[in-house]
Amino acid sequence: MSSYTIYGALGSPYSIKMRAIFRYRRIPVIWRQLEAGDEAIFQHVRAPVIPVIRYPDESWHNDSTPMIFDLEQRHAERSIVPDDEGLAFLAWLLEDFADEWGTKAMFHYRWYRERDQQQMSEWLLFDRLHGSGREEILRAAKQFRDRQVSRMALVGCTPENAPIIEETARRILTLFEAHVTEKKYLFGSRPSIADFGWLGQLSQLATDPTPQELMRSDYPFTYRWLANLDDASGVEGEWQSADAPVPDAVLGLLRLCGEIYFPFLKANAQAVANGDEEFTVNLLGRHYSQAPFKYQVKCLKELRSGFARLQPKARESIEALLARSGCLHPLTEEVS
């Protein structure tokens, strides 16, 4: 086997994220829409989640961020990590924000309202079962819909949390809408790990009925930017200068990390440490509650460790920006 194979799905933000990265980096890849009967792939990975990617050496992987950095080691051309160490850390932080908080908007909009539940459960099961008959697709869609709706509280997508999730989604989309008409990407004229992280999550909002209408009405250029980034194999560009001010969108996203993401991560980590079944944190002047997740404790520890590993010059170059955005203190606190 000389190419990679992505076992993924159009309805999976992380699948779309990884497919777009392979396309941009011009790494040969086979896209395989996961279908009934493909479940055997999960025996090769620890967690049964997609995308699952089979490497040319016959190894199997399925955590998007570690795969991104692994591919950076294996393929030198068309990197998606900025050359400057400080900017590279900022891009990683914004990618992590997309993966762990941005996904809440995706899950919320998909399963909160009746119209989205119906269309997306049917579409997602059609992707998996097309050719199996309409009745079988609809039967499986009903089961899948019930399962996903039942999991909403587990991931924090409750009616009580809905205003916070929708407000943060609008803030993020507003930042992108102002950005994409003035600059190509977040860290220059070539896409970074951060751009692809947000592509993954926002690509789903651009598909589902309610958020798609919202995007086409209020954020039309962001909607089109996503379509362009999905296959950026023809893009050539440069990283921004390390001495240049970061774009307003980067600063705005960092401020949201300081206002929302780090308080969420810290409260989650404390709940895991305490053995609590639920935690509550104040976000945007409201109480946000959900069950804690150990994986997000790992995310916080890795961000703190990554910041601590920066060379002094790189660290100094971004400290003021992180302090202004409310991110510096959470990154330098001791890991409990």
C-alpha atoms as a PDB file:
ATOM      1  CA  MET A   1       0.000   0.000   0.000  1.00  0.00           C
ATOM      2  CA  SER A   2       1.534   3.324  -1.055  1.00  0.00           C
ATOM      3  CA  SER A   3      -1.140   5.746   0.149  1.00  0.00           C
ATOM      4  CA  TYR A   4      -3.087   6.512   3.289  1.00  0.00           C
ATOM      5  CA  THR A   5      -6.749   5.497   3.674  1.00  0.00           C
ATOM      6  CA  ILE A   6      -9.204   7.600   5.655  1.00  0.00           C
ATOM      7  CA  TYR A   7     -12.216   5.694   6.951  1.00  0.00           C
ATOM      8  CA  GLY A   8     -14.485   8.604   7.727  1.00  0.00           C
ATOM      9  CA  ALA A   9     -17.847  10.238   7.157  1.00  0.00           C
ATOM     10  CA  LEU A  10     -19.176  13.469   5.705  1.00  0.00           C
ATOM     11  CA  GLY A  11     -20.988  14.106   8.993  1.00  0.00           C
ATOM     12  CA  SER A  12     -17.798  13.804  11.050  1.00  0.00           C
ATOM     13  CA  PRO A  13     -15.989  17.115  11.657  1.00  0.00           C
ATOM     14  CA  TYR A  14     -12.699  15.362  12.377  1.00  0.00           C
ATOM     15  CA  SER A  15     -12.985  13.318   9.175  1.00  0.00           C
ATOM     16  CA  ILE A  16     -13.495  16.457   7.096  1.00  0.00           C
ATOM     17  CA  LYS A  17     -10.635  18.147   8.947  1.00  0.00           C
ATOM     18  CA  MET A  18      -8.193  15.332   8.190  1.00  0.00           C
ATOM     19  CA  ARG A  19      -9.307  14.903   4.582  1.00  0.00           C
ATOM     20  CA  ALA A  20      -8.764  18.613   3.949  1.00  0.00           C
ATOM     21  CA  ILE A  21      -5.292  18.437   5.515  1.00  0.00           C
ATOM     22  CA  PHE A  22      -4.275  15.546   3.257  1.00  0.00           C
ATOM     23  CA  ARG A  23      -5.614  17.435   0.254  1.00  0.00           C
ATOM     24  CA  TYR A  24      -3.792  20.654   1.099  1.00  0.00           C
ATOM     25  CA  ARG A  25      -0.542  18.842   1.856  1.00  0.00           C
ATOM     26  CA  ARG A  26      -0.849  16.812  -1.369  1.00  0.00           C
ATOM     27  CA  ILE A  27      -0.296  13.558   0.499  1.00  0.00           C
ATOM     28  CA  PRO A  28      -1.792  10.644  -1.481  1.00  0.00           C
ATOM     29  CA  VAL A  29      -4.922   9.445   0.299  1.00  0.00           C
ATOM     30  CA  ILE A  30      -7.965   7.292  -0.332  1.00  0.00           C
ATOM     31  CA  TRP A  31     -11.230   8.580   1.143  1.00  0.00           C
ATOM     32  CA  ARG A  32     -13.522   5.762   2.225  1.00  0.00           C
ATOM     33  CA  GLN A  33     -16.983   6.736   3.414  1.00  0.00           C
ATOM     34  CA  LEU A  34     -17.632   4.409   6.352  1.00  0.00           C
ATOM     35  CA  GLU A  35     -20.341   1.890   5.450  1.00  0.00           C
ATOM     36  CA  ALA A  36     -22.101  -1.014   7.093  1.00  0.00           C
ATOM     37  CA  GLY A  37     -19.641  -3.853   7.492  1.00  0.00           C
ATOM     38  CA  ASP A  38     -16.640  -1.586   8.103  1.00  0.00           C
ATOM     39  CA  GLU A  39     -16.819  -1.983  11.885  1.00  0.00           C
ATOM     40  CA  ALA A  40     -13.799  -4.298  11.839  1.00  0.00           C
ATOM     41  CA  ILE A  41     -11.524  -1.260  11.495  1.00  0.00           C
ATOM     42  CA  PHE A  42     -12.161  -0.383  15.143  1.00  0.00           C
ATOM     43  CA  GLN A  43     -10.288  -3.462  16.323  1.00  0.00           C
ATOM     44  CA  HIS A  44      -7.105  -1.665  15.293  1.00  0.00           C
ATOM     45  CA  VAL A  45      -7.600   1.426  17.513  1.00  0.00           C
ATOM     46  CA  ARG A  46      -8.294   2.050  21.185  1.00  0.00           C
ATOM     47  CA  ALA A  47     -11.456   4.150  20.838  1.00  0.00           C
ATOM     48  CA  PRO A  48     -14.181   3.311  18.282  1.00  0.00           C
ATOM     49  CA  VAL A  49     -14.352   6.790  16.752  1.00  0.00           C
ATOM     50  CA  ILE A  50     -13.702   8.152  13.280  1.00  0.00           C
ATOM     51  CA  PRO A  51     -11.786   9.000  11.309  1.00  0.00           C
ATOM     52  CA  VAL A  52      -9.654   5.895  11.436  1.00  0.00           C
ATOM     53  CA  ILE A  53      -6.635   6.274   9.169  1.00  0.00           C
ATOM     54  CA  ARG A  54      -4.571   3.398   7.854  1.00  0.00           C
ATOM     55  CA  TYR A  55      -0.997   4.441   7.127  1.00  0.00           C
ATOM     56  CA  PRO A  56       1.109   3.063   4.285  1.00  0.00           C
ATOM     57  CA  ASP A  57       3.078   1.037   6.865  1.00  0.00           C
ATOM     58  CA  GLU A  58      -0.206  -0.727   7.810  1.00  0.00           C
ATOM     59  CA  SER A  59      -0.457   1.049  11.202  1.00  0.00           C
ATOM     60  CA  TRP A  60      -3.826   2.469  12.283  1.00  0.00           C
ATOM     61  CA  HIS A  61      -4.561   5.807  13.982  1.00  0.00           C
ATOM     62  CA  ASN A  62      -7.640   7.803  14.990  1.00  0.00           C
ATOM     63  CA  ASP A  63      -6.921  10.877  17.119  1.00  0.00           C
ATOM     64  CA  SER A  64      -6.743  13.859  14.784  1.00  0.00           C
ATOM     65  CA  THR A  65      -4.307  16.157  16.595  1.00  0.00           C
ATOM     66  CA  PRO A  66      -1.609  13.511  17.264  1.00  0.00           C
ATOM     67  CA  MET A  67      -2.008  12.406  13.642  1.00  0.00           C
ATOM     68  CA  ILE A  68      -1.445  15.969  12.444  1.00  0.00           C
ATOM     69  CA  PHE A  69       1.856  16.210  14.315  1.00  0.00           C
ATOM     70  CA  ASP A  70       2.857  12.705  13.252  1.00  0.00           C
ATOM     71  CA  LEU A  71       2.283  13.641   9.608  1.00  0.00           C
ATOM     72  CA  GLU A  72       4.423  16.727  10.161  1.00  0.00           C
ATOM     73  CA  GLN A  73       7.298  14.408  11.099  1.00  0.00           C
ATOM     74  CA  ARG A  74       6.732  12.095   8.138  1.00  0.00           C
ATOM     75  CA  HIS A  75       6.137  14.715   5.428  1.00  0.00           C
ATOM     76  CA  ALA A  76       8.114  17.940   5.236  1.00  0.00           C
ATOM     77  CA  GLU A  77       6.303  19.633   2.365  1.00  0.00           C
ATOM     78  CA  ARG A  78       3.438  22.090   2.859  1.00  0.00           C
ATOM     79  CA  SER A  79       3.441  22.057   6.642  1.00  0.00           C
ATOM     80  CA  ILE A  80       0.371  23.364   8.446  1.00  0.00           C
ATOM     81  CA  VAL A  81       2.351  24.388  11.545  1.00  0.00           C
ATOM     82  CA  PRO A  82       3.782  27.936  11.404  1.00  0.00           C
ATOM     83  CA  ASP A  83       7.567  28.128  11.301  1.00  0.00           C
ATOM     84  CA  ASP A  84       7.688  30.523  14.231  1.00  0.00           C
ATOM     85  CA  GLU A  85       7.498  28.572  17.494  1.00  0.00           C
ATOM     86  CA  GLY A  86       5.304  31.124  19.245  1.00  0.00           C
ATOM     87  CA  LEU A  87       2.790  31.327  16.397  1.00  0.00           C
ATOM     88  CA  ALA A  88       2.828  27.528  16.164  1.00  0.00           C
ATOM     89  CA  PHE A  89       1.715  27.326  19.787  1.00  0.00           C
ATOM     90  CA  LEU A  90      -1.087  29.836  19.206  1.00  0.00           C
ATOM     91  CA  ALA A  91      -2.283  27.859  16.187  1.00  0.00           C
ATOM     92  CA  TRP A  92      -2.288  24.639  18.221  1.00  0.00           C
ATOM     93  CA  LEU A  93      -4.246  26.325  21.026  1.00  0.00           C
ATOM     94  CA  LEU A  94      -6.906  27.527  18.576  1.00  0.00           C
ATOM     95  CA  GLU A  95      -7.107  24.070  16.992  1.00  0.00           C
ATOM     96  CA  ASP A  96      -7.614  22.548  20.430  1.00  0.00           C
ATOM     97  CA  PHE A  97     -10.341  25.120  21.144  1.00  0.00           C
ATOM     98  CA  ALA A  98     -12.101  24.059  17.958  1.00  0.00           C
ATOM     99  CA  ASP A  99     -11.809  20.345  18.699  1.00  0.00           C
ATOM    100  CA  GLU A 100     -12.961  20.442  22.298  1.00  0.00           C
ATOM    101  CA  TRP A 101     -15.326  23.416  22.513  1.00  0.00           C
ATOM    102  CA  GLY A 102     -16.303  24.127  18.911  1.00  0.00           C
ATOM    103  CA  THR A 103     -17.660  20.613  18.624  1.00  0.00           C
ATOM    104  CA  LYS A 104     -20.354  21.519  21.144  1.00  0.00           C
ATOM    105  CA  ALA A 105     -21.918  23.879  18.609  1.00  0.00           C
ATOM    106  CA  MET A 106     -21.851  21.099  16.025  1.00  0.00           C
ATOM    107  CA  PHE A 107     -23.529  18.609  18.380  1.00  0.00           C
ATOM    108  CA  HIS A 108     -25.997  21.166  19.711  1.00  0.00           C
ATOM    109  CA  TYR A 109     -27.259  22.404  16.358  1.00  0.00           C
ATOM    110  CA  ARG A 110     -27.484  18.874  14.971  1.00  0.00           C
ATOM    111  CA  TRP A 111     -29.563  17.352  17.756  1.00  0.00           C
ATOM    112  CA  TYR A 112     -31.359  20.222  19.547  1.00  0.00           C
ATOM    113  CA  ARG A 113     -34.180  20.979  17.102  1.00  0.00           C
ATOM    114  CA  GLU A 114     -36.635  18.600  15.469  1.00  0.00           C
ATOM    115  CA  ARG A 115     -35.867  19.619  11.884  1.00  0.00           C
ATOM    116  CA  ASP A 116     -32.127  19.098  12.302  1.00  0.00           C
ATOM    117  CA  GLN A 117     -32.584  15.812  14.162  1.00  0.00           C
ATOM    118  CA  GLN A 118     -34.728  14.401  11.381  1.00  0.00           C
ATOM    119  CA  GLN A 119     -32.734  15.507   8.360  1.00  0.00           C
ATOM    120  CA  MET A 120     -29.312  14.766   9.747  1.00  0.00           C
ATOM    121  CA  SER A 121     -30.152  11.374  11.242  1.00  0.00           C
ATOM    122  CA  GLU A 122     -31.558  10.351   7.857  1.00  0.00           C
ATOM    123  CA  TRP A 123     -28.649  11.791   5.889  1.00  0.00           C
ATOM    124  CA  LEU A 124     -26.016  10.260   8.161  1.00  0.00           C
ATOM    125  CA  LEU A 125     -27.593   6.828   7.946  1.00  0.00           C
ATOM    126  CA  PHE A 126     -28.072   7.194   4.211  1.00  0.00           C
ATOM    127  CA  ASP A 127     -24.322   7.781   3.961  1.00  0.00           C
ATOM    128  CA  ARG A 128     -23.782   4.524   5.841  1.00  0.00           C
ATOM    129  CA  LEU A 129     -26.556   2.401   4.315  1.00  0.00           C
ATOM    130  CA  HIS A 130     -27.308   3.772   0.836  1.00  0.00           C
ATOM    131  CA  GLY A 131     -28.541   0.967  -1.374  1.00  0.00           C
ATOM    132  CA  SER A 132     -30.015  -0.928   1.587  1.00  0.00           C
ATOM    133  CA  GLY A 133     -33.574   0.260   1.017  1.00  0.00           C
ATOM    134  CA  ARG A 134     -35.492   3.292   2.212  1.00  0.00           C
ATOM    135  CA  GLU A 135     -37.224   1.530   5.100  1.00  0.00           C
ATOM    136  CA  GLU A 136     -33.960   0.172   6.478  1.00  0.00           C
ATOM    137  CA  ILE A 137     -32.352   3.608   6.268  1.00  0.00           C
ATOM    138  CA  LEU A 138     -35.280   5.268   8.065  1.00  0.00           C
ATOM    139  CA  ARG A 139     -35.407   2.550  10.730  1.00  0.00           C
ATOM    140  CA  ALA A 140     -31.688   2.890  11.458  1.00  0.00           C
ATOM    141  CA  ALA A 141     -31.941   6.676  11.370  1.00  0.00           C
ATOM    142  CA  LYS A 142     -34.619   6.619  14.083  1.00  0.00           C
ATOM    143  CA  GLN A 143     -32.435   4.458  16.327  1.00  0.00           C
ATOM    144  CA  PHE A 144     -29.388   6.644  15.745  1.00  0.00           C
ATOM    145  CA  ARG A 145     -31.361   9.828  16.367  1.00  0.00           C
ATOM    146  CA  ASP A 146     -32.702   8.517  19.672  1.00  0.00           C
ATOM    147  CA  ARG A 147     -29.198   7.527  20.747  1.00  0.00           C
ATOM    148  CA  GLN A 148     -27.634  10.872  19.887  1.00  0.00           C
ATOM    149  CA  VAL A 149     -30.394  12.928  21.505  1.00  0.00           C
ATOM    150  CA  SER A 150     -30.047  10.833  24.664  1.00  0.00           C
ATOM    151  CA  ARG A 151     -26.343  11.746  24.838  1.00  0.00           C
ATOM    152  CA  MET A 152     -26.835  15.508  24.650  1.00  0.00           C
ATOM    153  CA  ALA A 153     -26.706  16.133  28.389  1.00  0.00           C
ATOM    154  CA  LEU A 154     -23.538  14.051  28.677  1.00  0.00           C
ATOM    155  CA  VAL A 155     -21.630  16.454  26.417  1.00  0.00           C
ATOM    156  CA  GLY A 156     -23.229  19.609  27.824  1.00  0.00           C
ATOM    157  CA  CYS A 157     -25.753  20.223  25.045  1.00  0.00           C
ATOM    158  CA  THR A 158     -28.750  20.886  27.290  1.00  0.00           C
ATOM    159  CA  PRO A 159     -31.536  23.482  26.992  1.00  0.00           C
ATOM    160  CA  GLU A 160     -29.956  25.340  29.917  1.00  0.00           C
ATOM    161  CA  ASN A 161     -26.584  25.507  28.148  1.00  0.00           C
ATOM    162  CA  ALA A 162     -28.026  26.270  24.707  1.00  0.00           C
ATOM    163  CA  PRO A 163     -27.780  30.101  25.003  1.00  0.00           C
ATOM    164  CA  ILE A 164     -24.072  29.866  25.872  1.00  0.00           C
ATOM    165  CA  ILE A 165     -23.312  27.466  23.023  1.00  0.00           C
ATOM    166  CA  GLU A 166     -25.226  29.486  20.440  1.00  0.00           C
ATOM    167  CA  GLU A 167     -23.742  32.792  21.621  1.00  0.00           C
ATOM    168  CA  THR A 168     -20.187  31.456  21.374  1.00  0.00           C
ATOM    169  CA  ALA A 169     -20.937  30.053  17.912  1.00  0.00           C
ATOM    170  CA  ARG A 170     -22.152  33.455  16.761  1.00  0.00           C
ATOM    171  CA  ARG A 171     -19.095  35.188  18.209  1.00  0.00           C
ATOM    172  CA  ILE A 172     -16.773  32.770  16.442  1.00  0.00           C
ATOM    173  CA  LEU A 173     -18.606  33.115  13.135  1.00  0.00           C
ATOM    174  CA  THR A 174     -18.564  36.907  13.473  1.00  0.00           C
ATOM    175  CA  LEU A 175     -14.790  36.823  13.889  1.00  0.00           C
ATOM    176  CA  PHE A 176     -14.343  34.656  10.824  1.00  0.00           C
ATOM    177  CA  GLU A 177     -16.760  36.694   8.722  1.00  0.00           C
ATOM    178  CA  ALA A 178     -14.780  39.872   9.348  1.00  0.00           C
ATOM    179  CA  HIS A 179     -11.506  38.044   8.752  1.00  0.00           C
ATOM    180  CA  VAL A 180     -11.953  36.030   5.573  1.00  0.00           C
ATOM    181  CA  THR A 181     -12.642  38.991   3.287  1.00  0.00           C
ATOM    182  CA  GLU A 182      -9.481  40.771   4.447  1.00  0.00           C
ATOM    183  CA  LYS A 183      -6.976  37.930   4.910  1.00  0.00           C
ATOM    184  CA  LYS A 184      -6.723  34.424   3.531  1.00  0.00           C
ATOM    185  CA  TYR A 185      -6.099  32.440   6.725  1.00  0.00           C
ATOM    186  CA  LEU A 186      -5.470  32.919  10.432  1.00  0.00           C
ATOM    187  CA  PHE A 187      -1.657  32.958  10.331  1.00  0.00           C
ATOM    188  CA  GLY A 188      -0.831  34.089   6.817  1.00  0.00           C
ATOM    189  CA  SER A 189      -1.648  33.315   3.222  1.00  0.00           C
ATOM    190  CA  ARG A 190      -1.444  29.551   3.831  1.00  0.00           C
ATOM    191  CA  PRO A 191      -3.721  27.518   6.106  1.00  0.00           C
ATOM    192  CA  SER A 192      -2.612  26.351   9.543  1.00  0.00           C
ATOM    193  CA  ILE A 193      -3.648  23.659  11.968  1.00  0.00           C
ATOM    194  CA  ALA A 194      -6.029  26.246  13.461  1.00  0.00           C
ATOM    195  CA  ASP A 195      -7.789  26.899  10.150  1.00  0.00           C
ATOM    196  CA  PHE A 196      -8.304  23.180   9.609  1.00  0.00           C
ATOM    197  CA  GLY A 197      -9.539  22.676  13.165  1.00  0.00           C
ATOM    198  CA  TRP A 198     -12.272  25.244  12.651  1.00  0.00           C
ATOM    199  CA  LEU A 199     -13.016  23.950   9.160  1.00  0.00           C
ATOM    200  CA  GLY A 200     -13.900  20.591  10.681  1.00  0.00           C
ATOM    201  CA  GLN A 201     -16.446  21.949  13.133  1.00  0.00           C
ATOM    202  CA  LEU A 202     -17.902  24.743  10.995  1.00  0.00           C
ATOM    203  CA  SER A 203     -18.250  22.450   7.973  1.00  0.00           C
ATOM    204  CA  GLN A 204     -20.996  20.671   9.871  1.00  0.00           C
ATOM    205  CA  LEU A 205     -22.818  23.908  10.679  1.00  0.00           C
ATOM    206  CA  ALA A 206     -22.648  24.646   6.961  1.00  0.00           C
ATOM    207  CA  THR A 207     -24.507  21.388   6.274  1.00  0.00           C
ATOM    208  CA  ASP A 208     -27.210  21.099   8.944  1.00  0.00           C
ATOM    209  CA  PRO A 209     -30.486  22.958   8.225  1.00  0.00           C
ATOM    210  CA  THR A 210     -30.704  25.506  11.047  1.00  0.00           C
ATOM    211  CA  PRO A 211     -27.056  26.616  11.238  1.00  0.00           C
ATOM    212  CA  GLN A 212     -26.723  26.481   7.452  1.00  0.00           C
ATOM    213  CA  GLU A 213     -29.526  29.030   7.141  1.00  0.00           C
ATOM    214  CA  LEU A 214     -27.820  31.138   9.794  1.00  0.00           C
ATOM    215  CA  MET A 215     -24.488  31.010   8.006  1.00  0.00           C
ATOM    216  CA  ARG A 216     -25.866  31.731   4.546  1.00  0.00           C
ATOM    217  CA  SER A 217     -27.832  34.681   5.922  1.00  0.00           C
ATOM    218  CA  ASP A 218     -25.401  36.263   8.382  1.00  0.00           C
ATOM    219  CA  TYR A 219     -21.972  34.774   7.593  1.00  0.00           C
ATOM    220  CA  PRO A 220     -22.002  34.125   3.835  1.00  0.00           C
ATOM    221  CA  PHE A 221     -18.301  34.664   3.185  1.00  0.00           C
ATOM    222  CA  THR A 222     -17.328  32.293   5.988  1.00  0.00           C
ATOM    223  CA  TYR A 223     -19.695  29.748   4.450  1.00  0.00           C
ATOM    224  CA  ARG A 224     -17.872  30.056   1.134  1.00  0.00           C
ATOM    225  CA  TRP A 225     -14.416  30.149   2.770  1.00  0.00           C
ATOM    226  CA  LEU A 226     -15.112  26.708   4.227  1.00  0.00           C
ATOM    227  CA  ALA A 227     -15.930  25.314   0.790  1.00  0.00           C
ATOM    228  CA  ASN A 228     -12.650  26.666  -0.557  1.00  0.00           C
ATOM    229  CA  LEU A 229     -10.562  25.303   2.319  1.00  0.00           C
ATOM    230  CA  ASP A 230     -12.060  21.835   1.934  1.00  0.00           C
ATOM    231  CA  ASP A 231      -9.695  21.355  -1.006  1.00  0.00           C
ATOM    232  CA  ALA A 232      -6.841  23.840  -0.866  1.00  0.00           C
ATOM    233  CA  SER A 233      -4.410  21.635  -2.799  1.00  0.00           C
ATOM    234  CA  GLY A 234      -3.809  24.490  -5.232  1.00  0.00           C
ATOM    235  CA  VAL A 235      -3.064  27.100  -2.560  1.00  0.00           C
ATOM    236  CA  GLU A 236       0.437  28.540  -2.304  1.00  0.00           C
ATOM    237  CA  GLY A 237       1.242  30.985   0.453  1.00  0.00           C
ATOM    238  CA  GLU A 238       3.472  32.196   3.265  1.00  0.00           C
ATOM    239  CA  TRP A 239       3.310  32.419   7.029  1.00  0.00           C
ATOM    240  CA  GLN A 240       2.880  35.854   8.521  1.00  0.00           C
ATOM    241  CA  SER A 241       5.955  37.475   9.976  1.00  0.00           C
ATOM    242  CA  ALA A 242       6.533  36.673  13.628  1.00  0.00           C
ATOM    243  CA  ASP A 243       6.947  40.408  14.224  1.00  0.00           C
ATOM    244  CA  ALA A 244       3.610  41.363  12.655  1.00  0.00           C
ATOM    245  CA  PRO A 245       0.526  41.850  14.852  1.00  0.00           C
ATOM    246  CA  VAL A 246      -1.777  38.850  14.821  1.00  0.00           C
ATOM    247  CA  PRO A 247      -5.064  39.389  12.965  1.00  0.00           C
ATOM    248  CA  ASP A 248      -8.101  40.550  14.922  1.00  0.00           C
ATOM    249  CA  ALA A 249      -9.689  37.131  14.423  1.00  0.00           C
ATOM    250  CA  VAL A 250      -6.786  35.415  16.160  1.00  0.00           C
ATOM    251  CA  LEU A 251      -6.941  37.869  19.041  1.00  0.00           C
ATOM    252  CA  GLY A 252     -10.707  37.436  19.252  1.00  0.00           C
ATOM    253  CA  LEU A 253     -10.464  33.653  19.313  1.00  0.00           C
ATOM    254  CA  LEU A 254      -7.772  33.842  21.985  1.00  0.00           C
ATOM    255  CA  ARG A 255     -10.024  36.079  24.067  1.00  0.00           C
ATOM    256  CA  LEU A 256     -12.778  33.481  23.772  1.00  0.00           C
ATOM    257  CA  CYS A 257     -10.272  30.882  24.951  1.00  0.00           C
ATOM    258  CA  GLY A 258      -9.610  33.039  27.988  1.00  0.00           C
ATOM    259  CA  GLU A 259     -13.272  33.788  28.602  1.00  0.00           C
ATOM    260  CA  ILE A 260     -14.778  30.385  27.858  1.00  0.00           C
ATOM    261  CA  TYR A 261     -12.398  27.571  26.991  1.00  0.00           C
ATOM    262  CA  PHE A 262      -9.871  27.737  29.823  1.00  0.00           C
ATOM    263  CA  PRO A 263     -12.521  28.235  32.541  1.00  0.00           C
ATOM    264  CA  PHE A 264     -14.301  25.191  31.105  1.00  0.00           C
ATOM    265  CA  LEU A 265     -11.095  23.116  31.002  1.00  0.00           C
ATOM    266  CA  LYS A 266     -10.117  24.083  34.544  1.00  0.00           C
ATOM    267  CA  ALA A 267     -13.550  23.300  35.984  1.00  0.00           C
ATOM    268  CA  ASN A 268     -13.579  19.980  34.153  1.00  0.00           C
ATOM    269  CA  ALA A 269     -10.114  19.068  35.479  1.00  0.00           C
ATOM    270  CA  GLN A 270     -11.116  19.934  39.031  1.00  0.00           C
ATOM    271  CA  ALA A 271     -14.249  17.795  38.746  1.00  0.00           C
ATOM    272  CA  VAL A 272     -12.225  14.824  37.518  1.00  0.00           C
ATOM    273  CA  ALA A 273      -9.740  15.294  40.355  1.00  0.00           C
ATOM    274  CA  ASN A 274     -12.601  15.412  42.875  1.00  0.00           C
ATOM    275  CA  GLY A 275     -14.428  12.446  41.378  1.00  0.00           C
ATOM    276  CA  ASP A 276     -17.512  14.597  40.743  1.00  0.00           C
ATOM    277  CA  GLU A 277     -20.226  13.403  38.381  1.00  0.00           C
ATOM    278  CA  GLU A 278     -20.997  16.934  37.185  1.00  0.00           C
ATOM    279  CA  PHE A 279     -19.431  20.373  37.311  1.00  0.00           C
ATOM    280  CA  THR A 280     -20.772  23.893  36.888  1.00  0.00           C
ATOM    281  CA  VAL A 281     -18.818  26.899  35.666  1.00  0.00           C
ATOM    282  CA  ASN A 282     -19.879  30.478  34.976  1.00  0.00           C
ATOM    283  CA  LEU A 283     -19.549  31.312  31.273  1.00  0.00           C
ATOM    284  CA  LEU A 284     -20.845  34.509  29.672  1.00  0.00           C
ATOM    285  CA  GLY A 285     -22.686  35.353  32.873  1.00  0.00           C
ATOM    286  CA  ARG A 286     -24.570  32.036  32.927  1.00  0.00           C
ATOM    287  CA  HIS A 287     -24.158  28.705  34.641  1.00  0.00           C
ATOM    288  CA  TYR A 288     -22.857  25.976  32.346  1.00  0.00           C
ATOM    289  CA  SER A 289     -23.054  22.366  33.594  1.00  0.00           C
ATOM    290  CA  GLN A 290     -22.030  18.981  32.246  1.00  0.00           C
ATOM    291  CA  ALA A 291     -20.333  15.707  33.166  1.00  0.00           C
ATOM    292  CA  PRO A 292     -16.517  15.815  33.287  1.00  0.00           C
ATOM    293  CA  PHE A 293     -14.316  14.122  30.690  1.00  0.00           C
ATOM    294  CA  LYS A 294     -10.826  12.768  31.336  1.00  0.00           C
ATOM    295  CA  TYR A 295      -9.715  13.430  27.761  1.00  0.00           C
ATOM    296  CA  GLN A 296     -10.127  17.166  28.259  1.00  0.00           C
ATOM    297  CA  VAL A 297      -7.941  16.967  31.377  1.00  0.00           C
ATOM    298  CA  LYS A 298      -5.272  15.606  29.040  1.00  0.00           C
ATOM    299  CA  CYS A 299      -5.853  18.525  26.672  1.00  0.00           C
ATOM    300  CA  LEU A 300      -5.260  21.067  29.429  1.00  0.00           C
ATOM    301  CA  LYS A 301      -2.126  19.306  30.659  1.00  0.00           C
ATOM    302  CA  GLU A 302      -0.702  19.082  27.150  1.00  0.00           C
ATOM    303  CA  LEU A 303      -1.331  22.761  26.451  1.00  0.00           C
ATOM    304  CA  ARG A 304       0.386  23.726  29.685  1.00  0.00           C
ATOM    305  CA  SER A 305       3.289  21.386  28.998  1.00  0.00           C
ATOM    306  CA  GLY A 306       3.598  22.655  25.439  1.00  0.00           C
ATOM    307  CA  PHE A 307       3.746  26.246  26.628  1.00  0.00           C
ATOM    308  CA  ALA A 308       6.354  25.366  29.252  1.00  0.00           C
ATOM    309  CA  ARG A 309       8.526  23.708  26.574  1.00  0.00           C
ATOM    310  CA  LEU A 310       8.705  26.833  24.418  1.00  0.00           C
ATOM    311  CA  GLN A 311      12.112  28.382  24.000  1.00  0.00           C
ATOM    312  CA  PRO A 312      12.428  31.579  26.083  1.00  0.00           C
ATOM    313  CA  LYS A 313      12.373  33.836  23.018  1.00  0.00           C
ATOM    314  CA  ALA A 314       9.246  32.205  21.594  1.00  0.00           C
ATOM    315  CA  ARG A 315       7.520  32.247  24.948  1.00  0.00           C
ATOM    316  CA  GLU A 316       8.343  35.904  25.482  1.00  0.00           C
ATOM    317  CA  SER A 317       7.037  36.777  22.013  1.00  0.00           C
ATOM    318  CA  ILE A 318       3.489  35.618  22.819  1.00  0.00           C
ATOM    319  CA  GLU A 319       3.229  36.188  26.585  1.00  0.00           C
ATOM    320  CA  ALA A 320       1.810  39.698  26.297  1.00  0.00           C
ATOM    321  CA  LEU A 321      -0.793  38.526  23.790  1.00  0.00           C
ATOM    322  CA  LEU A 322      -1.787  35.596  25.981  1.00  0.00           C
ATOM    323  CA  ALA A 323      -1.989  37.879  29.017  1.00  0.00           C
ATOM    324  CA  ARG A 324      -4.241  40.351  27.159  1.00  0.00           C
ATOM    325  CA  SER A 325      -6.566  37.539  26.147  1.00  0.00           C
ATOM    326  CA  GLY A 326      -6.781  35.929  29.593  1.00  0.00           C
ATOM    327  CA  CYS A 327      -4.902  32.798  28.548  1.00  0.00           C
ATOM    328  CA  LEU A 328      -1.533  33.254  30.220  1.00  0.00           C
ATOM    329  CA  HIS A 329      -2.492  32.480  33.809  1.00  0.00           C
ATOM    330  CA  PRO A 330      -4.374  29.236  32.939  1.00  0.00           C
ATOM    331  CA  LEU A 331      -1.343  28.081  30.950  1.00  0.00           C
ATOM    332  CA  THR A 332       1.144  28.735  33.734  1.00  0.00           C
ATOM    333  CA  GLU A 333      -0.799  27.352  36.701  1.00  0.00           C
ATOM    334  CA  GLU A 334       0.459  24.165  38.221  1.00  0.00           C
ATOM    335  CA  VAL A 335      -1.207  20.987  36.933  1.00  0.00           C
ATOM    336  CA  SER A 336      -3.108  19.404  39.814  1.00  0.00           C
END
